Protein backbone atom coordinates (compact mmCIF):
# COMPACT_ATOMS: atom_id res chain seq x y z
CA MET A 1 72.19 100.19 80.40
CA ASP A 2 69.37 98.34 82.29
CA GLY A 3 66.45 99.39 83.94
CA SER A 4 65.62 102.36 85.68
CA LEU A 5 69.49 103.43 85.43
CA GLN A 6 68.74 103.71 81.91
CA THR A 7 65.53 105.49 82.39
CA ASP A 8 67.17 107.85 84.98
CA ALA A 9 70.12 108.74 82.33
CA ALA A 10 67.86 109.02 79.45
CA GLN A 11 66.13 112.16 81.19
CA LEU A 12 69.21 114.02 82.15
CA PRO A 13 70.63 116.80 80.17
CA ASN A 14 73.76 116.59 78.11
CA GLU A 15 76.20 118.12 80.53
CA HIS A 16 75.44 115.67 82.99
CA LEU A 17 76.31 112.87 80.98
CA ASP A 18 79.63 111.14 80.72
CA ALA A 19 80.34 110.99 76.88
CA LEU A 20 82.37 107.65 77.41
CA THR A 21 80.32 105.72 79.50
CA GLY A 22 76.78 107.17 78.88
CA LEU A 23 76.51 107.42 82.67
CA PRO A 24 75.59 110.30 84.72
CA ASN A 25 78.82 112.32 85.37
CA ARG A 26 79.95 113.79 88.75
CA ALA A 27 77.93 117.16 88.26
CA SER A 28 74.78 114.75 87.95
CA LEU A 29 75.98 113.10 91.29
CA GLU A 30 76.56 116.13 93.18
CA ASP A 31 72.89 117.07 92.30
CA ALA A 32 71.55 113.84 93.70
CA LEU A 33 73.79 114.24 96.82
CA ARG A 34 72.52 117.43 97.72
CA ARG A 35 68.99 116.14 97.28
CA ALA A 36 69.75 113.41 99.39
CA LEU A 37 71.11 115.49 102.33
CA ASP A 38 67.88 117.58 102.16
CA ASP A 39 65.49 114.57 102.39
CA GLY A 40 67.35 113.80 105.71
CA ARG A 41 67.03 109.66 104.78
CA PRO A 42 69.83 107.06 105.05
CA ALA A 43 72.22 107.73 101.97
CA THR A 44 76.01 106.67 101.55
CA LEU A 45 78.46 107.80 98.96
CA ALA A 46 80.68 104.97 97.92
CA LEU A 47 83.84 106.06 96.00
CA LEU A 48 84.93 103.12 93.95
CA GLN A 49 88.80 103.75 92.32
CA LEU A 50 90.19 101.52 89.98
CA GLU A 51 93.49 101.81 91.78
CA ASN A 52 96.26 100.59 89.08
CA PHE A 53 94.13 101.74 85.93
CA TYR A 54 97.09 103.89 84.69
CA GLU A 55 99.23 100.80 84.73
CA ILE A 56 96.50 98.72 83.10
CA ARG A 57 96.60 101.42 80.46
CA SER A 58 100.15 101.82 79.67
CA TRP A 59 99.89 97.74 78.60
CA VAL A 60 96.86 97.40 76.77
CA GLY A 61 96.91 100.96 74.97
CA LYS A 62 94.47 104.05 75.46
CA SER A 63 91.75 102.85 73.25
CA ASP A 64 91.46 99.36 74.80
CA ALA A 65 91.62 100.95 78.32
CA SER A 66 88.67 102.90 77.01
CA PHE A 67 86.90 100.00 75.85
CA LEU A 68 87.58 98.04 79.27
CA LEU A 69 86.44 101.25 81.15
CA CYS A 70 82.83 101.02 79.12
CA ASP A 71 82.95 97.23 79.95
CA ILE A 72 83.56 97.89 83.70
CA ALA A 73 80.32 100.39 83.93
CA ARG A 74 78.28 97.63 82.18
CA LEU A 75 79.52 95.11 84.86
CA LEU A 76 78.71 97.50 87.59
CA GLN A 77 75.15 98.20 86.49
CA ARG A 78 74.36 94.34 86.21
CA ASN A 79 75.53 93.86 89.41
CA LEU A 80 73.90 96.89 91.43
CA PRO A 81 70.64 96.73 93.16
CA ASP A 82 67.76 98.82 92.60
CA ASP A 83 67.77 102.77 94.02
CA VAL A 84 71.55 102.93 93.50
CA THR A 85 72.75 105.95 91.40
CA LEU A 86 75.82 104.86 89.86
CA CYS A 87 78.20 107.68 87.86
CA HIS A 88 81.39 107.90 86.08
CA CYS A 89 83.70 111.02 87.69
CA GLU A 90 86.92 111.91 86.04
CA HIS A 91 90.24 110.00 86.46
CA TYR A 92 89.09 106.54 86.38
CA GLU A 93 86.66 106.80 89.42
CA PHE A 94 83.23 105.62 89.61
CA ALA A 95 80.82 106.70 92.28
CA LEU A 96 77.33 104.99 93.93
CA LEU A 97 75.09 106.65 95.93
CA LEU A 98 73.34 104.17 97.99
CA ARG A 99 69.67 104.90 99.50
CA ASN A 100 67.49 104.01 102.39
CA GLU A 101 68.32 100.01 103.15
CA ASN A 102 70.89 99.74 100.54
CA SER A 103 72.61 102.69 102.24
CA VAL A 104 72.46 100.74 105.53
CA ASN A 105 74.02 98.00 103.78
CA ALA A 106 76.67 99.43 101.66
CA ARG A 107 79.66 97.67 102.87
CA PRO A 108 78.61 94.32 101.98
CA ILE A 109 77.30 95.60 98.72
CA THR A 110 80.40 97.24 97.68
CA GLU A 111 82.61 94.42 98.70
CA ARG A 112 80.31 92.04 96.31
CA ILE A 113 80.74 94.60 93.39
CA LYS A 114 84.62 94.34 93.69
CA GLN A 115 84.77 90.91 93.99
CA ALA A 116 82.57 90.32 90.81
CA LEU A 117 84.41 93.47 89.17
CA GLN A 118 87.98 91.98 89.87
CA SER A 119 87.21 88.57 88.68
CA ALA A 120 85.38 89.58 85.52
CA VAL A 121 88.33 91.93 84.51
CA SER A 122 90.97 89.73 85.16
CA GLU A 123 90.13 87.95 81.66
CA SER A 124 90.44 91.30 79.55
CA ILE A 125 93.94 92.34 81.13
CA PRO A 126 97.40 90.93 80.43
CA PRO A 127 98.19 87.60 82.68
CA GLN A 128 100.68 89.66 84.76
CA LEU A 129 98.35 92.53 86.17
CA GLU A 130 95.32 92.26 88.02
CA LEU A 131 92.64 95.03 88.48
CA LYS A 132 93.09 96.59 91.93
CA CYS A 133 90.02 98.39 93.37
CA ALA A 134 89.22 100.47 96.46
CA VAL A 135 85.97 101.52 97.82
CA GLY A 136 85.48 104.33 100.28
CA LEU A 137 82.58 105.07 102.14
CA ALA A 138 80.70 108.05 103.62
CA ALA A 139 77.40 108.34 105.31
CA ALA A 140 74.98 111.49 105.05
CA GLU A 141 75.14 112.58 108.74
CA PRO A 142 75.15 115.66 111.01
CA GLY A 143 77.97 117.89 109.85
CA VAL A 144 78.33 116.82 106.17
CA THR A 145 77.24 120.16 104.72
CA GLY A 146 77.67 119.14 101.00
CA PRO A 147 78.61 116.68 98.28
CA GLU A 148 82.36 118.02 98.98
CA VAL A 149 82.58 116.80 102.51
CA LEU A 150 80.88 113.62 101.44
CA PHE A 151 83.75 113.03 98.44
CA ALA A 152 86.44 114.27 101.03
CA ARG A 153 85.17 111.59 103.85
CA ALA A 154 85.09 108.58 101.23
CA ARG A 155 88.67 109.50 100.21
CA HIS A 156 89.97 109.89 103.54
CA GLN A 157 88.50 106.46 104.43
CA LEU A 158 90.53 104.96 101.62
CA SER A 159 93.70 106.43 103.00
CA VAL A 160 93.11 105.58 106.35
CA ALA A 161 92.57 101.89 105.57
CA LEU A 162 95.79 102.02 103.53
CA PHE A 163 97.83 103.02 106.48
CA ARG A 164 96.53 100.34 108.69
CA LEU A 165 97.10 97.75 105.69
CA HIS A 166 100.78 98.89 105.97
CA GLY A 167 101.12 98.74 109.57
CA GLU A 168 100.90 102.26 110.48
CA GLN A 169 98.70 103.13 112.90
CA ARG A 170 96.43 106.32 112.41
CA LEU A 171 94.75 108.44 114.86
CA SER A 172 90.93 108.36 114.03
CA ALA A 173 89.50 112.03 113.92
CA MET A 174 86.37 110.84 114.82
CA HIS A 175 87.42 109.67 117.98
CA GLU A 176 87.38 112.28 120.41
CA VAL A 177 90.42 111.85 122.49
CA ASP A 178 90.86 115.42 123.47
CA GLY A 179 87.11 116.38 123.72
CA PHE A 180 87.46 118.79 120.50
CA ASP A 181 84.23 118.26 118.84
CA PRO A 182 85.28 118.20 114.82
CA LEU A 183 82.00 120.34 113.91
CA GLU A 184 84.03 123.23 115.98
CA LEU A 185 87.01 123.13 113.36
CA GLU A 186 85.83 125.55 110.56
CA PRO A 187 84.80 128.22 113.09
CA ALA A 188 87.92 127.80 114.90
CA LEU A 189 90.03 128.10 111.65
CA LYS A 190 88.32 131.40 110.85
CA ARG A 191 88.55 132.82 114.56
CA ARG A 192 92.17 131.87 115.01
CA LYS A 193 95.23 132.26 112.91
CA LEU A 194 97.25 129.13 112.62
CA GLU A 195 100.78 129.13 114.32
CA LEU A 196 103.80 128.24 112.16
CA ASN A 197 106.80 126.32 113.21
CA PHE A 198 109.86 125.71 111.04
CA GLN A 199 112.20 122.70 111.07
CA PRO A 200 115.45 122.79 109.27
CA ILE A 201 116.26 120.07 106.50
CA VAL A 202 119.86 120.01 107.29
CA SER A 203 122.14 119.34 103.86
CA LEU A 204 125.42 116.93 104.93
CA LEU A 205 126.70 118.39 102.15
CA PRO A 206 126.66 122.08 102.02
CA ASP A 207 125.06 123.47 98.87
CA GLY A 208 124.40 127.22 99.76
CA VAL A 209 120.51 126.35 100.43
CA GLU A 210 118.65 126.65 103.41
CA ARG A 211 115.54 124.10 103.51
CA TYR A 212 112.80 123.98 106.00
CA GLU A 213 109.79 122.22 106.57
CA VAL A 214 106.68 124.20 107.68
CA ARG A 215 104.33 123.07 110.15
CA CYS A 216 101.39 124.25 111.99
CA ARG A 217 99.23 124.18 114.83
CA LEU A 218 95.78 125.66 115.76
CA PRO A 219 95.73 127.28 119.01
CA LEU A 220 92.33 126.93 121.11
CA GLU A 221 90.88 128.80 123.66
CA LYS A 222 90.82 125.59 125.98
CA GLY A 223 92.99 122.38 125.63
CA ARG A 224 94.87 121.40 122.75
CA LEU A 225 94.67 120.02 119.53
CA ALA A 226 97.41 117.87 118.01
CA PRO A 227 98.40 118.35 114.28
CA VAL A 228 97.93 115.07 113.23
CA ARG A 229 94.42 115.32 114.49
CA LEU A 230 93.85 118.56 113.14
CA PHE A 231 94.94 117.61 109.80
CA GLU A 232 92.69 114.55 110.00
CA ILE A 233 89.46 116.43 111.00
CA ALA A 234 90.46 119.31 108.18
CA VAL A 235 90.45 116.53 105.37
CA GLN A 236 87.84 114.91 106.46
CA ASN A 237 85.44 117.97 105.94
CA ALA A 238 86.92 119.42 103.08
CA LEU A 239 88.80 122.24 105.02
CA GLY A 240 92.61 120.83 103.87
CA GLY A 241 92.48 123.35 101.10
CA TYR A 242 91.83 126.39 103.41
CA ILE A 243 94.74 125.20 105.74
CA ASP A 244 97.01 124.86 102.52
CA ARG A 245 96.35 128.25 100.85
CA GLN A 246 96.76 129.67 104.31
CA LEU A 247 100.28 128.31 104.88
CA ILE A 248 101.15 128.61 101.13
CA SER A 249 99.95 132.46 101.50
CA ARG A 250 102.09 133.10 104.59
CA VAL A 251 105.35 131.35 103.29
CA LEU A 252 105.18 133.21 100.22
CA ALA A 253 104.83 136.27 102.29
CA ILE A 254 108.18 135.59 104.37
CA LEU A 255 109.94 134.69 101.09
CA ARG A 256 108.86 138.16 99.45
CA GLU A 257 110.23 139.83 102.97
CA LYS A 258 113.37 138.21 103.20
CA GLU A 259 114.46 138.27 99.58
CA LEU A 260 116.82 135.51 99.68
CA PRO A 261 117.16 133.08 96.83
CA SER A 262 118.81 130.40 98.97
CA LEU A 263 115.74 129.94 101.50
CA CYS A 264 113.31 127.15 100.17
CA PHE A 265 110.56 126.23 101.98
CA PHE A 266 108.50 122.32 102.11
CA VAL A 267 104.93 122.64 102.37
CA SER A 268 102.63 119.51 102.89
CA LEU A 269 99.97 119.64 100.59
CA THR A 270 96.48 117.61 101.80
CA GLN A 271 94.54 115.65 99.66
CA ASN A 272 91.63 117.94 99.46
CA SER A 273 93.78 120.10 97.51
CA MET A 274 95.60 117.45 95.23
CA VAL A 275 92.05 116.59 93.63
CA ASP A 276 90.98 120.11 93.43
CA ALA A 277 91.42 121.49 90.23
CA SER A 278 90.68 125.44 91.13
CA PHE A 279 93.64 125.03 93.93
CA PHE A 280 96.21 125.21 91.15
CA HIS A 281 94.38 128.29 89.30
CA TRP A 282 94.60 129.87 92.97
CA LEU A 283 98.36 129.06 93.15
CA GLN A 284 99.15 130.45 89.77
CA ALA A 285 97.10 133.89 90.51
CA LYS A 286 99.25 133.98 93.75
CA LEU A 287 102.34 133.86 92.00
CA ALA A 288 101.38 136.00 89.05
CA GLY A 289 104.34 138.49 88.49
CA GLN A 290 106.74 136.73 91.13
CA THR A 291 107.49 133.42 89.21
CA HIS A 292 110.82 133.50 91.04
CA LEU A 293 109.06 132.40 94.28
CA ALA A 294 108.04 129.23 92.98
CA ARG A 295 111.38 127.83 92.67
CA GLN A 296 111.68 128.39 96.57
CA LEU A 297 108.70 126.31 97.04
CA VAL A 298 108.60 122.63 97.51
CA LEU A 299 105.14 120.85 97.90
CA GLN A 300 104.92 117.79 99.65
CA ILE A 301 102.60 114.69 99.35
CA SER A 302 102.34 111.69 101.00
CA GLU A 303 102.89 108.42 99.35
CA ILE A 304 99.53 106.97 100.75
CA ASP A 305 97.76 110.24 99.13
CA ILE A 306 99.31 109.16 95.71
CA LEU A 307 97.86 106.04 95.97
CA ILE A 308 94.54 107.22 96.71
CA ALA A 309 94.57 110.08 94.38
CA GLN A 310 96.85 108.78 91.65
CA HIS A 311 94.16 109.24 89.01
CA HIS A 312 94.53 113.22 89.72
CA LEU A 313 98.32 113.04 89.60
CA GLN A 314 99.01 113.85 86.12
CA TYR A 315 97.06 117.01 86.33
CA LEU A 316 98.93 117.97 89.52
CA CYS A 317 102.50 117.31 88.11
CA GLU A 318 101.50 119.40 84.90
CA GLN A 319 100.61 122.12 87.16
CA LEU A 320 103.50 122.21 89.23
CA ALA A 321 105.97 122.06 86.51
CA GLY A 322 104.36 124.71 84.74
CA GLN A 323 104.48 127.02 87.63
CA GLU A 324 108.44 125.55 88.47
CA ILE A 325 107.25 124.28 91.61
CA ARG A 326 109.13 121.08 92.92
CA LEU A 327 107.40 118.11 94.16
CA ALA A 328 108.59 115.96 97.53
CA VAL A 329 106.93 112.45 98.25
CA GLY A 330 106.51 111.77 102.16
CA ASN A 331 106.24 108.47 104.03
CA PHE A 332 108.26 107.04 100.98
CA GLY A 333 108.97 103.43 101.56
CA LEU A 334 105.75 102.74 103.70
CA THR A 335 103.99 100.50 100.95
CA ASP A 336 105.35 97.28 99.74
CA ASN A 337 106.52 98.69 96.50
CA PRO A 338 107.08 102.40 96.88
CA PHE A 339 108.66 102.74 93.55
CA ARG A 340 105.80 101.34 91.39
CA TYR A 341 104.14 104.82 90.92
CA LEU A 342 106.99 106.97 90.76
CA PRO A 343 107.01 106.88 86.87
CA LEU A 344 103.54 108.71 87.34
CA LEU A 345 105.43 111.64 89.30
CA ASN A 346 107.83 114.42 88.35
CA ALA A 347 109.23 114.57 91.71
CA ALA A 348 112.50 116.19 92.91
CA TYR A 349 112.74 114.52 96.47
CA VAL A 350 111.74 111.44 98.17
CA LYS A 351 111.46 111.62 102.28
CA MET A 352 111.88 108.52 104.16
CA ASN A 353 111.02 108.13 107.76
CA ILE A 354 113.99 106.89 109.76
CA PRO A 355 113.05 105.93 113.42
CA ALA A 356 111.91 102.56 112.66
CA VAL A 357 115.46 101.65 111.20
CA ASP A 358 117.91 100.25 114.11
CA GLY A 359 120.90 100.52 111.85
CA THR A 360 121.57 96.43 112.05
CA GLY A 361 120.09 93.31 110.67
CA ALA A 362 116.91 93.31 108.40
CA SER A 363 115.93 96.84 108.53
CA ARG A 364 119.25 98.11 107.81
CA ARG A 365 119.48 95.72 104.88
CA GLN A 366 116.08 96.72 103.70
CA LEU A 367 116.95 100.74 104.03
CA GLN A 368 120.36 100.13 102.19
CA GLN A 369 118.24 98.55 99.28
CA THR A 370 115.81 101.04 99.11
CA LEU A 371 118.45 103.59 98.97
CA GLN A 372 120.33 101.95 96.59
CA GLU A 373 117.75 101.76 94.22
CA LEU A 374 116.98 105.54 94.92
CA SER A 375 120.79 106.34 93.99
CA GLU A 376 119.87 105.04 90.58
CA SER A 377 117.45 107.72 90.19
CA LYS A 378 117.61 111.57 90.21
CA LEU A 379 115.90 112.06 93.12
CA GLN A 380 117.35 113.79 96.45
CA VAL A 381 116.76 111.47 99.33
CA ILE A 382 115.65 113.22 102.95
CA ALA A 383 115.88 111.28 105.75
CA SER A 384 113.21 112.58 108.01
CA LEU A 385 112.35 111.93 112.10
CA VAL A 386 116.56 111.25 112.42
CA GLU A 387 116.53 110.89 116.26
CA ASP A 388 119.80 109.30 116.43
CA MET A 389 123.08 111.06 115.37
CA ASN A 390 124.67 107.49 114.75
CA MET A 391 122.33 106.78 111.75
CA LEU A 392 124.24 109.54 109.82
CA PRO A 393 127.32 107.57 108.73
CA LEU A 394 125.10 104.77 107.53
CA LEU A 395 123.21 107.43 105.81
CA TRP A 396 125.93 109.22 103.87
CA ARG A 397 127.41 105.92 103.03
CA SER A 398 124.23 105.26 101.29
CA GLY A 399 124.19 108.69 99.37
CA VAL A 400 121.65 110.55 101.60
CA THR A 401 122.75 114.36 102.10
CA LEU A 402 119.63 115.67 103.50
CA ALA A 403 118.40 115.05 106.97
CA GLN A 404 115.85 116.25 109.38
CA GLY A 405 115.05 115.23 112.93
CA ASN A 406 115.15 116.79 116.49
CA CYS A 407 118.82 115.31 117.08
CA LEU A 408 119.79 118.07 114.36
CA ALA A 409 117.55 120.76 115.22
CA GLY A 410 113.96 120.96 116.35
CA PRO A 411 111.17 122.96 114.76
CA ALA A 412 111.32 126.68 116.09
CA ALA A 413 108.72 130.02 115.56
CA ASN A 414 111.08 131.43 112.89
CA PRO A 415 113.34 129.74 109.99
CA ASP A 416 116.61 131.11 111.52
CA TYR A 417 118.74 127.93 112.22
CA ARG A 418 122.11 128.44 111.53
CA PHE A 419 122.93 126.16 108.99
CA PRO A 420 127.07 124.91 109.75
CA ARG A 421 129.22 125.80 106.88
CA GLU A 422 130.50 121.84 107.06
CA ILE A 423 129.46 118.97 108.99
CA ARG A 424 132.00 116.43 109.72
CA ILE A 425 130.86 112.75 109.89
CA ASN A 426 133.04 109.88 111.24
CA ALA A 427 132.26 107.37 108.40
CA ALA A 428 134.23 104.88 110.46
């Protein structure tokens, strides 16, 4: 290590040091973040992700990947200005705490570091690969109650940037289009119970299973909070896990009450829970003595969240597999190469949004090509957001047997959709 970084690390207890790189670890960083928040001076957390490091490790091997990670740590140190705390977090993530003037200039500093890192590391990895980096920034500001909120905001910024990169517009939760104050979300969640609704996922090949996607909205005293905005505000403020636990608790209660083995619920999981190891301990305790209910639960994660939290996926998949809970990938096909990270997952379903496909021309060929590749896997494909019944023959011919959309059945307050015994499709 160099300069003040070496001095700072030397003063830390062993439990605050990363054994591989010798850098301060996340526990040390969280202490520094708390002090920065208490000081009230400008401070910014920069979360640096080595996006495809798992892929690089598979090429160079685990030992060489560890050496490379240490080289990256040294390179970061050499390129950092003074008064910056560099930490190595778990799962191939680095974090930087920038204070005062460095905080104000966080974006140009992190962009310079990214360029230097990608240029230097390219010489150490196979020529067919390149190191991909992403940086999410979160500033200490009113409403940030602790380190977990800063990490959540930095990770959320990464996901918004990826959505925009791939052409999907996302509502910015900090843009108060409906007059709702984001700081009011936590007390509102504690005052009012989430309202659930259930949209059927219809099987075009009847299999005796009734599948529903579980959605929710937050009733307010005045006005309306759109579900997309609800979840964006929640994720930014580390409240997504609170919502996830409430939804899963209520879904499990419904399964216990109905005692129908044929019933299956899909519940979306926020990125807050994906990176929180305590969530899986909670889930295991929730299912204690009733493991049969786990087989009626599917947790759904977004393809974009896979990209910004892929380093946590191995643990997530191990935990879900151990509890016999299946995994679904939503927004599949949004990125340029949706198959790239499938080997990291133990998924049972992928869900593709259909409305952008007109059934003809380039969009139809792209859809058919993606479905053809999926047909060679063991994944079940769910066509979601289907708003035109004329799309069903194309989907059927491509091997899709599950579909979801308002033209089939809209969301309802209770899971009481009467699944047809047979759906006839004119495939002409």
